[in-house]
Amino acid sequence: MDNLIVDTAKIMAKGQLTLPKDIRDALGVGVGDRVTMIRQNDRVILMNSALYAMKMLQESMHGEFERAGIQNDDDVMDLVRNIRTEIEG
């Protein structure tokens, strides 16, 4: 397991817990940030919500460039120009 951090936290009366600083730092989260919890059997995976959303977007977009016939940066720029032309009228 790469970058393994093991730490503990106490669950308070309302089900709240404080994430240890080393875990917050590793996830890149701070005050006001959101985390995503994924239960998998007897484990909970805790992720930075912004990174989780980006990962899900990347997975959902997998293969779309090939299906759209985009093979290089020029194809991307052509697509952007076409969309801008459609929007601007």
PDB file of N, CA and C in Angstrom:
ATOM      1  N   MET A   1       0.847  -1.185   0.000  1.00  0.00           N
ATOM      2  CA  MET A   1       0.000   0.000   0.000  1.00  0.00           C
ATOM      3  C   MET A   1       0.888   1.242   0.000  1.00  0.00           C
ATOM      4  N   ASP A   2       0.771   2.049  -1.023  1.00  0.00           N
ATOM      5  CA  ASP A   2       1.569   3.256  -1.122  1.00  0.00           C
ATOM      6  C   ASP A   2       1.068   4.328  -0.169  1.00  0.00           C
ATOM      7  N   ASN A   3       1.993   5.060   0.404  1.00  0.00           N
ATOM      8  CA  ASN A   3       1.675   6.208   1.262  1.00  0.00           C
ATOM      9  C   ASN A   3       0.674   5.858   2.353  1.00  0.00           C
ATOM     10  N   LEU A   4       0.859   4.749   3.023  1.00  0.00           N
ATOM     11  CA  LEU A   4      -0.048   4.296   4.062  1.00  0.00           C
ATOM     12  C   LEU A   4       0.055   5.203   5.291  1.00  0.00           C
ATOM     13  N   ILE A   5      -1.085   5.714   5.736  1.00  0.00           N
ATOM     14  CA  ILE A   5      -1.177   6.488   6.976  1.00  0.00           C
ATOM     15  C   ILE A   5      -2.230   5.803   7.831  1.00  0.00           C
ATOM     16  N   VAL A   6      -1.881   5.465   9.039  1.00  0.00           N
ATOM     17  CA  VAL A   6      -2.831   4.871   9.967  1.00  0.00           C
ATOM     18  C   VAL A   6      -2.989   5.832  11.127  1.00  0.00           C
ATOM     19  N   ASP A   7      -4.214   6.215  11.415  1.00  0.00           N
ATOM     20  CA  ASP A   7      -4.494   7.124  12.521  1.00  0.00           C
ATOM     21  C   ASP A   7      -5.882   6.798  13.044  1.00  0.00           C
ATOM     22  N   THR A   8      -6.233   7.346  14.176  1.00  0.00           N
ATOM     23  CA  THR A   8      -7.546   7.098  14.757  1.00  0.00           C
ATOM     24  C   THR A   8      -8.237   8.412  15.070  1.00  0.00           C
ATOM     25  N   ALA A   9      -9.555   8.335  15.191  1.00  0.00           N
ATOM     26  CA  ALA A   9     -10.358   9.486  15.579  1.00  0.00           C
ATOM     27  C   ALA A   9     -11.523   8.976  16.410  1.00  0.00           C
ATOM     28  N   LYS A  10     -11.934   9.757  17.375  1.00  0.00           N
ATOM     29  CA  LYS A  10     -13.051   9.385  18.247  1.00  0.00           C
ATOM     30  C   LYS A  10     -14.349   9.966  17.691  1.00  0.00           C
ATOM     31  N   ILE A  11     -15.386   9.131  17.650  1.00  0.00           N
ATOM     32  CA  ILE A  11     -16.699   9.595  17.202  1.00  0.00           C
ATOM     33  C   ILE A  11     -17.396  10.242  18.385  1.00  0.00           C
ATOM     34  N   MET A  12     -17.858  11.477  18.182  1.00  0.00           N
ATOM     35  CA  MET A  12     -18.495  12.251  19.240  1.00  0.00           C
ATOM     36  C   MET A  12     -20.003  11.956  19.278  1.00  0.00           C
ATOM     37  N   ALA A  13     -20.692  12.588  20.200  1.00  0.00           N
ATOM     38  CA  ALA A  13     -22.109  12.298  20.465  1.00  0.00           C
ATOM     39  C   ALA A  13     -23.000  12.430  19.228  1.00  0.00           C
ATOM     40  N   LYS A  14     -22.750  13.403  18.384  1.00  0.00           N
ATOM     41  CA  LYS A  14     -23.596  13.624  17.206  1.00  0.00           C
ATOM     42  C   LYS A  14     -23.040  12.921  15.964  1.00  0.00           C
ATOM     43  N   GLY A  15     -22.141  11.965  16.155  1.00  0.00           N
ATOM     44  CA  GLY A  15     -21.572  11.232  15.035  1.00  0.00           C
ATOM     45  C   GLY A  15     -20.433  11.967  14.348  1.00  0.00           C
ATOM     46  N   GLN A  16     -20.000  13.067  14.921  1.00  0.00           N
ATOM     47  CA  GLN A  16     -18.922  13.842  14.309  1.00  0.00           C
ATOM     48  C   GLN A  16     -17.563  13.298  14.726  1.00  0.00           C
ATOM     49  N   LEU A  17     -16.582  13.510  13.860  1.00  0.00           N
ATOM     50  CA  LEU A  17     -15.219  13.177  14.209  1.00  0.00           C
ATOM     51  C   LEU A  17     -14.300  14.232  13.614  1.00  0.00           C
ATOM     52  N   THR A  18     -13.124  14.343  14.167  1.00  0.00           N
ATOM     53  CA  THR A  18     -12.124  15.272  13.647  1.00  0.00           C
ATOM     54  C   THR A  18     -11.087  14.458  12.887  1.00  0.00           C
ATOM     55  N   LEU A  19     -10.891  14.808  11.639  1.00  0.00           N
ATOM     56  CA  LEU A  19      -9.868  14.121  10.858  1.00  0.00           C
ATOM     57  C   LEU A  19      -8.499  14.560  11.355  1.00  0.00           C
ATOM     58  N   PRO A  20      -7.626  13.618  11.631  1.00  0.00           N
ATOM     59  CA  PRO A  20      -6.278  13.980  12.061  1.00  0.00           C
ATOM     60  C   PRO A  20      -5.574  14.828  10.995  1.00  0.00           C
ATOM     61  N   LYS A  21      -4.688  15.706  11.439  1.00  0.00           N
ATOM     62  CA  LYS A  21      -4.014  16.637  10.538  1.00  0.00           C
ATOM     63  C   LYS A  21      -3.272  15.921   9.416  1.00  0.00           C
ATOM     64  N   ASP A  22      -2.604  14.821   9.712  1.00  0.00           N
ATOM     65  CA  ASP A  22      -1.855  14.134   8.656  1.00  0.00           C
ATOM     66  C   ASP A  22      -2.787  13.590   7.569  1.00  0.00           C
ATOM     67  N   ILE A  23      -3.990  13.191   7.948  1.00  0.00           N
ATOM     68  CA  ILE A  23      -4.988  12.720   6.972  1.00  0.00           C
ATOM     69  C   ILE A  23      -5.516  13.909   6.160  1.00  0.00           C
ATOM     70  N   ARG A  24      -5.843  15.018   6.835  1.00  0.00           N
ATOM     71  CA  ARG A  24      -6.316  16.224   6.125  1.00  0.00           C
ATOM     72  C   ARG A  24      -5.267  16.690   5.123  1.00  0.00           C
ATOM     73  N   ASP A  25      -4.019  16.709   5.558  1.00  0.00           N
ATOM     74  CA  ASP A  25      -2.941  17.148   4.662  1.00  0.00           C
ATOM     75  C   ASP A  25      -2.807  16.218   3.461  1.00  0.00           C
ATOM     76  N   ALA A  26      -2.870  14.913   3.704  1.00  0.00           N
ATOM     77  CA  ALA A  26      -2.740  13.942   2.619  1.00  0.00           C
ATOM     78  C   ALA A  26      -3.876  14.070   1.606  1.00  0.00           C
ATOM     79  N   LEU A  27      -5.087  14.392   2.094  1.00  0.00           N
ATOM     80  CA  LEU A  27      -6.242  14.549   1.206  1.00  0.00           C
ATOM     81  C   LEU A  27      -6.307  15.936   0.581  1.00  0.00           C
ATOM     82  N   GLY A  28      -5.544  16.872   1.126  1.00  0.00           N
ATOM     83  CA  GLY A  28      -5.574  18.240   0.619  1.00  0.00           C
ATOM     84  C   GLY A  28      -6.867  18.950   0.968  1.00  0.00           C
ATOM     85  N   VAL A  29      -7.407  18.677   2.151  1.00  0.00           N
ATOM     86  CA  VAL A  29      -8.656  19.322   2.575  1.00  0.00           C
ATOM     87  C   VAL A  29      -8.415  20.183   3.809  1.00  0.00           C
ATOM     88  N   GLY A  30      -9.258  21.189   3.940  1.00  0.00           N
ATOM     89  CA  GLY A  30      -9.185  22.085   5.084  1.00  0.00           C
ATOM     90  C   GLY A  30     -10.578  22.531   5.474  1.00  0.00           C
ATOM     91  N   VAL A  31     -10.633  23.562   6.281  1.00  0.00           N
ATOM     92  CA  VAL A  31     -11.903  24.087   6.785  1.00  0.00           C
ATOM     93  C   VAL A  31     -12.846  24.415   5.633  1.00  0.00           C
ATOM     94  N   GLY A  32     -14.055  23.885   5.699  1.00  0.00           N
ATOM     95  CA  GLY A  32     -15.079  24.163   4.685  1.00  0.00           C
ATOM     96  C   GLY A  32     -15.052  23.240   3.479  1.00  0.00           C
ATOM     97  N   ASP A  33     -13.977  22.474   3.307  1.00  0.00           N
ATOM     98  CA  ASP A  33     -13.911  21.538   2.183  1.00  0.00           C
ATOM     99  C   ASP A  33     -14.811  20.343   2.455  1.00  0.00           C
ATOM    100  N   ARG A  34     -15.179  19.662   1.395  1.00  0.00           N
ATOM    101  CA  ARG A  34     -16.033  18.483   1.528  1.00  0.00           C
ATOM    102  C   ARG A  34     -15.226  17.229   1.241  1.00  0.00           C
ATOM    103  N   VAL A  35     -15.635  16.149   1.882  1.00  0.00           N
ATOM    104  CA  VAL A  35     -15.030  14.846   1.629  1.00  0.00           C
ATOM    105  C   VAL A  35     -16.129  13.876   1.217  1.00  0.00           C
ATOM    106  N   THR A  36     -15.753  12.896   0.432  1.00  0.00           N
ATOM    107  CA  THR A  36     -16.667  11.844  -0.003  1.00  0.00           C
ATOM    108  C   THR A  36     -16.264  10.559   0.703  1.00  0.00           C
ATOM    109  N   MET A  37     -17.256   9.857   1.240  1.00  0.00           N
ATOM    110  CA  MET A  37     -17.007   8.589   1.908  1.00  0.00           C
ATOM    111  C   MET A  37     -17.659   7.476   1.092  1.00  0.00           C
ATOM    112  N   ILE A  38     -16.883   6.457   0.786  1.00  0.00           N
ATOM    113  CA  ILE A  38     -17.357   5.339  -0.007  1.00  0.00           C
ATOM    114  C   ILE A  38     -17.213   4.087   0.844  1.00  0.00           C
ATOM    115  N   ARG A  39     -18.338   3.422   1.127  1.00  0.00           N
ATOM    116  CA  ARG A  39     -18.297   2.193   1.914  1.00  0.00           C
ATOM    117  C   ARG A  39     -18.118   1.019   0.968  1.00  0.00           C
ATOM    118  N   GLN A  40     -17.117   0.211   1.246  1.00  0.00           N
ATOM    119  CA  GLN A  40     -16.841  -0.971   0.443  1.00  0.00           C
ATOM    120  C   GLN A  40     -16.615  -2.132   1.413  1.00  0.00           C
ATOM    121  N   ASN A  41     -17.656  -2.959   1.564  1.00  0.00           N
ATOM    122  CA  ASN A  41     -17.642  -4.050   2.529  1.00  0.00           C
ATOM    123  C   ASN A  41     -17.383  -3.509   3.937  1.00  0.00           C
ATOM    124  N   ASP A  42     -16.283  -3.896   4.555  1.00  0.00           N
ATOM    125  CA  ASP A  42     -16.017  -3.449   5.925  1.00  0.00           C
ATOM    126  C   ASP A  42     -15.058  -2.271   5.980  1.00  0.00           C
ATOM    127  N   ARG A  43     -14.891  -1.548   4.871  1.00  0.00           N
ATOM    128  CA  ARG A  43     -13.968  -0.410   4.799  1.00  0.00           C
ATOM    129  C   ARG A  43     -14.687   0.832   4.335  1.00  0.00           C
ATOM    130  N   VAL A  44     -14.153   1.966   4.729  1.00  0.00           N
ATOM    131  CA  VAL A  44     -14.643   3.248   4.225  1.00  0.00           C
ATOM    132  C   VAL A  44     -13.471   3.960   3.581  1.00  0.00           C
ATOM    133  N   ILE A  45     -13.669   4.367   2.351  1.00  0.00           N
ATOM    134  CA  ILE A  45     -12.655   5.127   1.621  1.00  0.00           C
ATOM    135  C   ILE A  45     -13.056   6.592   1.729  1.00  0.00           C
ATOM    136  N   LEU A  46     -12.143   7.419   2.178  1.00  0.00           N
ATOM    137  CA  LEU A  46     -12.383   8.848   2.357  1.00  0.00           C
ATOM    138  C   LEU A  46     -11.593   9.587   1.295  1.00  0.00           C
ATOM    139  N   MET A  47     -12.284  10.402   0.496  1.00  0.00           N
ATOM    140  CA  MET A  47     -11.619  11.118  -0.589  1.00  0.00           C
ATOM    141  C   MET A  47     -11.996  12.589  -0.569  1.00  0.00           C
ATOM    142  N   ASN A  48     -11.105  13.414  -1.058  1.00  0.00           N
ATOM    143  CA  ASN A  48     -11.403  14.819  -1.305  1.00  0.00           C
ATOM    144  C   ASN A  48     -12.523  14.842  -2.352  1.00  0.00           C
ATOM    145  N   SER A  49     -13.649  15.484  -2.046  1.00  0.00           N
ATOM    146  CA  SER A  49     -14.809  15.455  -2.954  1.00  0.00           C
ATOM    147  C   SER A  49     -14.508  16.036  -4.319  1.00  0.00           C
ATOM    148  N   ALA A  50     -13.705  17.087  -4.375  1.00  0.00           N
ATOM    149  CA  ALA A  50     -13.371  17.685  -5.671  1.00  0.00           C
ATOM    150  C   ALA A  50     -12.584  16.700  -6.529  1.00  0.00           C
ATOM    151  N   LEU A  51     -11.648  15.998  -5.917  1.00  0.00           N
ATOM    152  CA  LEU A  51     -10.868  15.015  -6.659  1.00  0.00           C
ATOM    153  C   LEU A  51     -11.727  13.818  -7.056  1.00  0.00           C
ATOM    154  N   TYR A  52     -12.644  13.428  -6.183  1.00  0.00           N
ATOM    155  CA  TYR A  52     -13.543  12.320  -6.491  1.00  0.00           C
ATOM    156  C   TYR A  52     -14.430  12.678  -7.689  1.00  0.00           C
ATOM    157  N   ALA A  53     -14.963  13.901  -7.693  1.00  0.00           N
ATOM    158  CA  ALA A  53     -15.814  14.338  -8.805  1.00  0.00           C
ATOM    159  C   ALA A  53     -15.020  14.339 -10.110  1.00  0.00           C
ATOM    160  N   MET A  54     -13.775  14.799 -10.059  1.00  0.00           N
ATOM    161  CA  MET A  54     -12.949  14.820 -11.262  1.00  0.00           C
ATOM    162  C   MET A  54     -12.664  13.395 -11.733  1.00  0.00           C
ATOM    163  N   LYS A  55     -12.403  12.491 -10.806  1.00  0.00           N
ATOM    164  CA  LYS A  55     -12.147  11.095 -11.164  1.00  0.00           C
ATOM    165  C   LYS A  55     -13.379  10.485 -11.830  1.00  0.00           C
ATOM    166  N   MET A  56     -14.559  10.746 -11.293  1.00  0.00           N
ATOM    167  CA  MET A  56     -15.788  10.212 -11.877  1.00  0.00           C
ATOM    168  C   MET A  56     -16.026  10.786 -13.273  1.00  0.00           C
ATOM    169  N   LEU A  57     -15.738  12.079 -13.449  1.00  0.00           N
ATOM    170  CA  LEU A  57     -15.890  12.711 -14.758  1.00  0.00           C
ATOM    171  C   LEU A  57     -14.932  12.081 -15.764  1.00  0.00           C
ATOM    172  N   GLN A  58     -13.687  11.889 -15.337  1.00  0.00           N
ATOM    173  CA  GLN A  58     -12.710  11.276 -16.236  1.00  0.00           C
ATOM    174  C   GLN A  58     -13.138   9.870 -16.638  1.00  0.00           C
ATOM    175  N   GLU A  59     -13.637   9.102 -15.676  1.00  0.00           N
ATOM    176  CA  GLU A  59     -14.078   7.744 -15.989  1.00  0.00           C
ATOM    177  C   GLU A  59     -15.269   7.755 -16.948  1.00  0.00           C
ATOM    178  N   SER A  60     -16.195   8.696 -16.749  1.00  0.00           N
ATOM    179  CA  SER A  60     -17.369   8.747 -17.624  1.00  0.00           C
ATOM    180  C   SER A  60     -17.015   9.218 -19.035  1.00  0.00           C
ATOM    181  N   MET A  61     -15.923   9.967 -19.163  1.00  0.00           N
ATOM    182  CA  MET A  61     -15.506  10.491 -20.464  1.00  0.00           C
ATOM    183  C   MET A  61     -14.531   9.559 -21.190  1.00  0.00           C
ATOM    184  N   HIS A  62     -14.131   8.482 -20.521  1.00  0.00           N
ATOM    185  CA  HIS A  62     -13.158   7.565 -21.118  1.00  0.00           C
ATOM    186  C   HIS A  62     -13.648   7.065 -22.480  1.00  0.00           C
ATOM    187  N   GLY A  63     -12.819   7.242 -23.495  1.00  0.00           N
ATOM    188  CA  GLY A  63     -13.143   6.765 -24.838  1.00  0.00           C
ATOM    189  C   GLY A  63     -13.907   7.757 -25.701  1.00  0.00           C
ATOM    190  N   GLU A  64     -14.348   8.874 -25.133  1.00  0.00           N
ATOM    191  CA  GLU A  64     -15.150   9.831 -25.898  1.00  0.00           C
ATOM    192  C   GLU A  64     -14.350  10.507 -27.010  1.00  0.00           C
ATOM    193  N   PHE A  65     -13.060  10.764 -26.782  1.00  0.00           N
ATOM    194  CA  PHE A  65     -12.244  11.373 -27.834  1.00  0.00           C
ATOM    195  C   PHE A  65     -12.180  10.463 -29.054  1.00  0.00           C
ATOM    196  N   GLU A  66     -11.973   9.181 -28.811  1.00  0.00           N
ATOM    197  CA  GLU A  66     -11.901   8.241 -29.924  1.00  0.00           C
ATOM    198  C   GLU A  66     -13.231   8.178 -30.663  1.00  0.00           C
ATOM    199  N   ARG A  67     -14.341   8.137 -29.923  1.00  0.00           N
ATOM    200  CA  ARG A  67     -15.665   8.066 -30.554  1.00  0.00           C
ATOM    201  C   ARG A  67     -15.975   9.324 -31.367  1.00  0.00           C
ATOM    202  N   ALA A  68     -15.423  10.467 -30.929  1.00  0.00           N
ATOM    203  CA  ALA A  68     -15.661  11.728 -31.643  1.00  0.00           C
ATOM    204  C   ALA A  68     -14.648  11.947 -32.762  1.00  0.00           C
ATOM    205  N   GLY A  69     -13.686  11.044 -32.887  1.00  0.00           N
ATOM    206  CA  GLY A  69     -12.687  11.169 -33.945  1.00  0.00           C
ATOM    207  C   GLY A  69     -11.592  12.173 -33.634  1.00  0.00           C
ATOM    208  N   ILE A  70     -11.428  12.529 -32.385  1.00  0.00           N
ATOM    209  CA  ILE A  70     -10.395  13.485 -31.986  1.00  0.00           C
ATOM    210  C   ILE A  70      -9.103  12.721 -31.758  1.00  0.00           C
ATOM    211  N   GLN A  71      -8.062  13.128 -32.518  1.00  0.00           N
ATOM    212  CA  GLN A  71      -6.799  12.405 -32.440  1.00  0.00           C
ATOM    213  C   GLN A  71      -5.630  13.254 -31.967  1.00  0.00           C
ATOM    214  N   ASN A  72      -5.782  14.590 -32.026  1.00  0.00           N
ATOM    215  CA  ASN A  72      -4.661  15.441 -31.629  1.00  0.00           C
ATOM    216  C   ASN A  72      -5.163  16.823 -31.200  1.00  0.00           C
ATOM    217  N   ASP A  73      -4.230  17.694 -30.817  1.00  0.00           N
ATOM    218  CA  ASP A  73      -4.583  19.035 -30.345  1.00  0.00           C
ATOM    219  C   ASP A  73      -5.293  19.857 -31.415  1.00  0.00           C
ATOM    220  N   ASP A  74      -4.913  19.676 -32.671  1.00  0.00           N
ATOM    221  CA  ASP A  74      -5.563  20.422 -33.754  1.00  0.00           C
ATOM    222  C   ASP A  74      -7.043  20.066 -33.846  1.00  0.00           C
ATOM    223  N   ASP A  75      -7.371  18.781 -33.656  1.00  0.00           N
ATOM    224  CA  ASP A  75      -8.769  18.362 -33.665  1.00  0.00           C
ATOM    225  C   ASP A  75      -9.550  19.021 -32.531  1.00  0.00           C
ATOM    226  N   VAL A  76      -8.916  19.139 -31.377  1.00  0.00           N
ATOM    227  CA  VAL A  76      -9.566  19.798 -30.233  1.00  0.00           C
ATOM    228  C   VAL A  76      -9.810  21.262 -30.549  1.00  0.00           C
ATOM    229  N   MET A  77      -8.807  21.934 -31.085  1.00  0.00           N
ATOM    230  CA  MET A  77      -8.955  23.356 -31.411  1.00  0.00           C
ATOM    231  C   MET A  77     -10.036  23.571 -32.471  1.00  0.00           C
ATOM    232  N   ASP A  78     -10.121  22.674 -33.456  1.00  0.00           N
ATOM    233  CA  ASP A  78     -11.178  22.770 -34.474  1.00  0.00           C
ATOM    234  C   ASP A  78     -12.552  22.624 -33.822  1.00  0.00           C
ATOM    235  N   LEU A  79     -12.690  21.692 -32.906  1.00  0.00           N
ATOM    236  CA  LEU A  79     -13.952  21.489 -32.206  1.00  0.00           C
ATOM    237  C   LEU A  79     -14.338  22.727 -31.410  1.00  0.00           C
ATOM    238  N   VAL A  80     -13.379  23.315 -30.712  1.00  0.00           N
ATOM    239  CA  VAL A  80     -13.643  24.530 -29.925  1.00  0.00           C
ATOM    240  C   VAL A  80     -14.075  25.665 -30.847  1.00  0.00           C
ATOM    241  N   ARG A  81     -13.380  25.846 -31.974  1.00  0.00           N
ATOM    242  CA  ARG A  81     -13.754  26.903 -32.925  1.00  0.00           C
ATOM    243  C   ARG A  81     -15.173  26.695 -33.459  1.00  0.00           C
ATOM    244  N   ASN A  82     -15.514  25.452 -33.791  1.00  0.00           N
ATOM    245  CA  ASN A  82     -16.853  25.162 -34.306  1.00  0.00           C
ATOM    246  C   ASN A  82     -17.930  25.464 -33.268  1.00  0.00           C
ATOM    247  N   ILE A  83     -17.679  25.093 -32.039  1.00  0.00           N
ATOM    248  CA  ILE A  83     -18.656  25.355 -30.975  1.00  0.00           C
ATOM    249  C   ILE A  83     -18.806  26.850 -30.748  1.00  0.00           C
ATOM    250  N   ARG A  84     -17.681  27.573 -30.724  1.00  0.00           N
ATOM    251  CA  ARG A  84     -17.744  29.041 -30.548  1.00  0.00           C
ATOM    252  C   ARG A  84     -18.524  29.697 -31.694  1.00  0.00           C
ATOM    253  N   THR A  85     -18.318  29.216 -32.900  1.00  0.00           N
ATOM    254  CA  THR A  85     -19.042  29.751 -34.059  1.00  0.00           C
ATOM    255  C   THR A  85     -20.536  29.510 -33.908  1.00  0.00           C
ATOM    256  N   GLU A  86     -20.920  28.314 -33.461  1.00  0.00           N
ATOM    257  CA  GLU A  86     -22.335  28.012 -33.248  1.00  0.00           C
ATOM    258  C   GLU A  86     -22.938  28.903 -32.166  1.00  0.00           C
ATOM    259  N   ILE A  87     -22.209  29.129 -31.094  1.00  0.00           N
ATOM    260  CA  ILE A  87     -22.725  29.934 -29.979  1.00  0.00           C
ATOM    261  C   ILE A  87     -22.851  31.398 -30.395  1.00  0.00           C
ATOM    262  N   GLU A  88     -21.843  31.915 -31.081  1.00  0.00           N
ATOM    263  CA  GLU A  88     -21.840  33.319 -31.472  1.00  0.00           C
ATOM    264  C   GLU A  88     -22.780  33.609 -32.625  1.00  0.00           C
ATOM    265  N   GLY A  89     -23.148  32.585 -33.371  1.00  0.00           N
ATOM    266  CA  GLY A  89     -24.115  32.741 -34.462  1.00  0.00           C
ATOM    267  C   GLY A  89     -23.513  33.198 -35.681  1.00  0.00           C
TER     268      GLY A  89
END
